[in-house]
């Protein structure tokens, strides 16, 4: 009979040394406008999954797409030390 044991990595997956660094948290915060704009675009698409998109839906998708692209452009054009 074989014993079932836990894997050591799974047990220590949340060890303090596995936490994100300050630099990683800053990078996430720096990219947050892009993430939020992408979520808005996904929401606009999800609304239209189970029905034919109306003109209002299409405007919402186009507006969300423009915001997502603008957020990406703003992220690329920002200097690394510049605040949002």
N, C-alpha and C. Protein backbone atom coordinates (compact mmCIF):
# COMPACT_ATOMS: atom_id res chain seq x y z
N UNK A 1 0.84 -1.17 0.00
CA UNK A 1 0.00 0.00 0.00
C UNK A 1 0.89 1.25 0.00
N UNK A 2 0.55 2.20 -0.86
CA UNK A 2 1.31 3.44 -0.95
C UNK A 2 0.60 4.53 -0.15
N UNK A 3 1.39 5.33 0.53
CA UNK A 3 0.82 6.43 1.29
C UNK A 3 0.70 7.66 0.41
N UNK A 4 -0.37 8.37 0.57
CA UNK A 4 -0.57 9.61 -0.17
C UNK A 4 -0.08 10.75 0.72
N UNK A 5 0.86 11.52 0.21
CA UNK A 5 1.40 12.64 0.97
C UNK A 5 1.25 13.92 0.16
N UNK A 6 1.28 15.02 0.85
CA UNK A 6 1.19 16.30 0.15
C UNK A 6 2.52 16.66 -0.48
N UNK A 7 2.45 17.40 -1.53
CA UNK A 7 3.65 17.87 -2.20
C UNK A 7 4.16 19.09 -1.44
N UNK A 8 5.45 19.14 -1.19
CA UNK A 8 6.01 20.22 -0.38
C UNK A 8 5.75 21.60 -1.00
N UNK A 9 5.83 21.72 -2.33
CA UNK A 9 5.59 23.01 -2.97
C UNK A 9 4.17 23.50 -2.73
N UNK A 10 3.22 22.59 -2.74
CA UNK A 10 1.83 22.98 -2.52
C UNK A 10 1.61 23.46 -1.09
N UNK A 11 2.31 22.87 -0.15
CA UNK A 11 2.16 23.26 1.25
C UNK A 11 2.77 24.63 1.49
N UNK A 12 3.88 24.92 0.84
CA UNK A 12 4.57 26.19 1.07
C UNK A 12 4.33 27.20 -0.05
N UNK A 13 3.24 27.02 -0.79
CA UNK A 13 2.97 27.90 -1.93
C UNK A 13 2.77 29.35 -1.50
N UNK A 14 2.36 29.58 -0.27
CA UNK A 14 2.10 30.94 0.17
C UNK A 14 3.12 31.40 1.21
N UNK A 15 4.31 30.88 1.08
CA UNK A 15 5.38 31.30 1.97
C UNK A 15 5.70 32.77 1.73
N UNK A 16 6.20 33.48 2.73
CA UNK A 16 6.46 34.92 2.59
C UNK A 16 7.38 35.27 1.42
N UNK A 17 8.30 34.39 1.09
CA UNK A 17 9.22 34.71 0.00
C UNK A 17 8.56 34.59 -1.36
N UNK A 18 7.33 34.09 -1.42
CA UNK A 18 6.61 33.95 -2.68
C UNK A 18 5.70 35.16 -2.96
N UNK A 19 5.64 36.10 -2.05
CA UNK A 19 4.81 37.29 -2.22
C UNK A 19 5.40 38.16 -3.33
N UNK A 20 4.55 38.93 -4.02
CA UNK A 20 5.07 39.83 -5.04
C UNK A 20 5.93 40.93 -4.42
N UNK A 21 6.94 41.31 -5.14
CA UNK A 21 7.83 42.37 -4.65
C UNK A 21 7.16 43.73 -4.84
N UNK A 22 7.74 44.75 -4.25
CA UNK A 22 7.21 46.11 -4.43
C UNK A 22 7.27 46.52 -5.90
N UNK A 23 8.32 46.12 -6.59
CA UNK A 23 8.45 46.45 -8.01
C UNK A 23 7.35 45.78 -8.82
N UNK A 24 7.03 44.53 -8.50
CA UNK A 24 5.96 43.84 -9.22
C UNK A 24 4.60 44.47 -8.93
N UNK A 25 4.36 44.86 -7.69
CA UNK A 25 3.11 45.53 -7.36
C UNK A 25 3.00 46.89 -8.06
N UNK A 26 4.12 47.61 -8.16
CA UNK A 26 4.12 48.88 -8.88
C UNK A 26 3.82 48.67 -10.36
N UNK A 27 4.38 47.61 -10.93
CA UNK A 27 4.13 47.31 -12.35
C UNK A 27 2.65 46.99 -12.58
N UNK A 28 2.05 46.24 -11.66
CA UNK A 28 0.63 45.92 -11.78
C UNK A 28 -0.20 47.19 -11.68
N UNK A 29 0.13 48.05 -10.73
CA UNK A 29 -0.60 49.30 -10.57
C UNK A 29 -0.43 50.19 -11.80
N UNK A 30 0.76 50.16 -12.39
CA UNK A 30 1.06 50.95 -13.58
C UNK A 30 0.20 50.49 -14.77
N UNK A 31 -0.08 49.18 -14.86
CA UNK A 31 -0.84 48.61 -15.96
C UNK A 31 -2.34 48.52 -15.68
N UNK A 32 -2.77 48.92 -14.50
CA UNK A 32 -4.16 48.77 -14.11
C UNK A 32 -5.15 49.48 -15.04
N UNK A 33 -4.88 50.68 -15.57
CA UNK A 33 -5.84 51.29 -16.51
C UNK A 33 -6.08 50.42 -17.75
N UNK A 34 -5.04 49.75 -18.23
CA UNK A 34 -5.20 48.86 -19.39
C UNK A 34 -6.06 47.65 -19.01
N UNK A 35 -5.82 47.10 -17.84
CA UNK A 35 -6.59 45.94 -17.39
C UNK A 35 -8.07 46.32 -17.24
N UNK A 36 -8.34 47.44 -16.64
CA UNK A 36 -9.73 47.87 -16.46
C UNK A 36 -10.42 48.16 -17.79
N UNK A 37 -9.69 48.75 -18.73
CA UNK A 37 -10.26 49.01 -20.05
C UNK A 37 -10.55 47.70 -20.79
N UNK A 38 -9.67 46.72 -20.64
CA UNK A 38 -9.90 45.42 -21.27
C UNK A 38 -11.10 44.72 -20.64
N UNK A 39 -11.27 44.86 -19.34
CA UNK A 39 -12.43 44.26 -18.67
C UNK A 39 -13.72 44.92 -19.18
N UNK A 40 -13.69 46.22 -19.36
CA UNK A 40 -14.86 46.92 -19.90
C UNK A 40 -15.19 46.43 -21.31
N UNK A 41 -14.17 46.22 -22.12
CA UNK A 41 -14.38 45.70 -23.48
C UNK A 41 -14.96 44.29 -23.43
N UNK A 42 -14.43 43.45 -22.56
CA UNK A 42 -14.97 42.10 -22.42
C UNK A 42 -16.42 42.13 -21.95
N UNK A 43 -16.73 43.00 -21.03
CA UNK A 43 -18.12 43.13 -20.57
C UNK A 43 -19.05 43.51 -21.72
N UNK A 44 -18.58 44.42 -22.56
CA UNK A 44 -19.40 44.84 -23.70
C UNK A 44 -19.64 43.67 -24.66
N UNK A 45 -18.64 42.83 -24.85
CA UNK A 45 -18.80 41.66 -25.72
C UNK A 45 -19.67 40.60 -25.06
N UNK A 46 -19.53 40.41 -23.78
CA UNK A 46 -20.30 39.38 -23.07
C UNK A 46 -21.80 39.68 -23.13
N UNK A 47 -22.14 40.95 -23.06
CA UNK A 47 -23.56 41.34 -23.12
C UNK A 47 -24.20 40.86 -24.41
N UNK A 48 -23.44 40.81 -25.48
CA UNK A 48 -24.00 40.47 -26.79
C UNK A 48 -23.87 39.00 -27.15
N UNK A 49 -23.40 38.16 -26.24
CA UNK A 49 -23.20 36.75 -26.57
C UNK A 49 -24.50 36.01 -26.86
N UNK A 50 -25.55 36.31 -26.14
CA UNK A 50 -26.77 35.53 -26.28
C UNK A 50 -27.86 36.23 -27.09
N UNK A 51 -27.50 37.29 -27.78
CA UNK A 51 -28.48 37.99 -28.60
C UNK A 51 -27.78 38.72 -29.73
N UNK A 52 -28.54 39.15 -30.67
CA UNK A 52 -28.00 39.94 -31.77
C UNK A 52 -27.70 41.34 -31.25
N UNK A 53 -26.49 41.83 -31.46
CA UNK A 53 -26.14 43.16 -30.94
C UNK A 53 -26.98 44.26 -31.59
N UNK A 54 -27.50 45.14 -30.77
CA UNK A 54 -28.23 46.29 -31.27
C UNK A 54 -27.23 47.39 -31.62
N UNK A 55 -27.74 48.47 -32.16
CA UNK A 55 -26.87 49.60 -32.48
C UNK A 55 -26.23 50.17 -31.21
N UNK A 56 -26.99 50.19 -30.14
CA UNK A 56 -26.46 50.65 -28.86
C UNK A 56 -25.33 49.74 -28.36
N UNK A 57 -25.51 48.43 -28.52
CA UNK A 57 -24.46 47.49 -28.14
C UNK A 57 -23.20 47.71 -28.98
N UNK A 58 -23.38 47.93 -30.27
CA UNK A 58 -22.23 48.13 -31.15
C UNK A 58 -21.49 49.42 -30.77
N UNK A 59 -22.23 50.47 -30.41
CA UNK A 59 -21.58 51.70 -29.95
C UNK A 59 -20.81 51.48 -28.66
N UNK A 60 -21.41 50.70 -27.77
CA UNK A 60 -20.73 50.41 -26.50
C UNK A 60 -19.43 49.63 -26.75
N UNK A 61 -19.46 48.67 -27.66
CA UNK A 61 -18.26 47.90 -27.99
C UNK A 61 -17.21 48.80 -28.63
N UNK A 62 -17.62 49.64 -29.57
CA UNK A 62 -16.65 50.54 -30.22
C UNK A 62 -16.03 51.51 -29.21
N UNK A 63 -16.85 52.04 -28.32
CA UNK A 63 -16.35 52.96 -27.31
C UNK A 63 -15.37 52.25 -26.36
N UNK A 64 -15.72 51.04 -25.96
CA UNK A 64 -14.84 50.27 -25.07
C UNK A 64 -13.54 49.91 -25.79
N UNK A 65 -13.62 49.60 -27.08
CA UNK A 65 -12.41 49.28 -27.84
C UNK A 65 -11.50 50.50 -27.94
N UNK A 66 -12.11 51.67 -28.19
CA UNK A 66 -11.30 52.91 -28.25
C UNK A 66 -10.64 53.21 -26.91
N UNK A 67 -11.37 53.00 -25.81
CA UNK A 67 -10.79 53.23 -24.49
C UNK A 67 -9.65 52.26 -24.21
N UNK A 68 -9.81 51.01 -24.61
CA UNK A 68 -8.76 50.02 -24.38
C UNK A 68 -7.51 50.39 -25.19
N UNK A 69 -7.71 50.79 -26.43
CA UNK A 69 -6.55 51.19 -27.25
C UNK A 69 -5.90 52.45 -26.69
N UNK A 70 -6.70 53.40 -26.25
CA UNK A 70 -6.14 54.62 -25.68
C UNK A 70 -5.36 54.33 -24.41
N UNK A 71 -5.86 53.40 -23.60
CA UNK A 71 -5.14 53.03 -22.38
C UNK A 71 -3.81 52.37 -22.71
N UNK A 72 -3.79 51.54 -23.74
CA UNK A 72 -2.54 50.90 -24.15
C UNK A 72 -1.54 51.93 -24.68
N UNK A 73 -2.04 52.87 -25.47
CA UNK A 73 -1.16 53.92 -25.99
C UNK A 73 -0.59 54.75 -24.85
N UNK A 74 -1.45 55.11 -23.90
CA UNK A 74 -0.99 55.90 -22.75
C UNK A 74 0.05 55.14 -21.95
N UNK A 75 -0.12 53.83 -21.81
CA UNK A 75 0.85 53.02 -21.08
C UNK A 75 2.19 52.98 -21.80
N UNK A 76 2.15 52.82 -23.10
CA UNK A 76 3.39 52.76 -23.88
C UNK A 76 4.10 54.10 -23.88
N UNK A 77 3.35 55.18 -23.92
CA UNK A 77 3.95 56.51 -24.00
C UNK A 77 4.44 57.04 -22.66
N UNK A 78 4.05 56.41 -21.56
CA UNK A 78 4.50 56.84 -20.24
C UNK A 78 5.97 56.47 -20.03
N UNK A 79 6.68 57.36 -19.38
CA UNK A 79 8.05 57.02 -19.02
C UNK A 79 8.03 56.13 -17.79
N UNK A 80 9.03 55.29 -17.58
CA UNK A 80 9.00 54.35 -16.46
C UNK A 80 8.84 55.00 -15.09
N UNK A 81 9.40 56.17 -14.85
CA UNK A 81 9.30 56.81 -13.54
C UNK A 81 8.09 57.69 -13.38
N UNK A 82 7.34 57.89 -14.43
CA UNK A 82 6.20 58.81 -14.42
C UNK A 82 5.00 58.19 -13.73
N UNK A 83 4.33 58.94 -12.92
CA UNK A 83 3.13 58.46 -12.23
C UNK A 83 1.94 58.52 -13.16
N UNK A 84 0.92 57.72 -12.86
CA UNK A 84 -0.30 57.68 -13.68
C UNK A 84 -1.07 58.89 -13.44
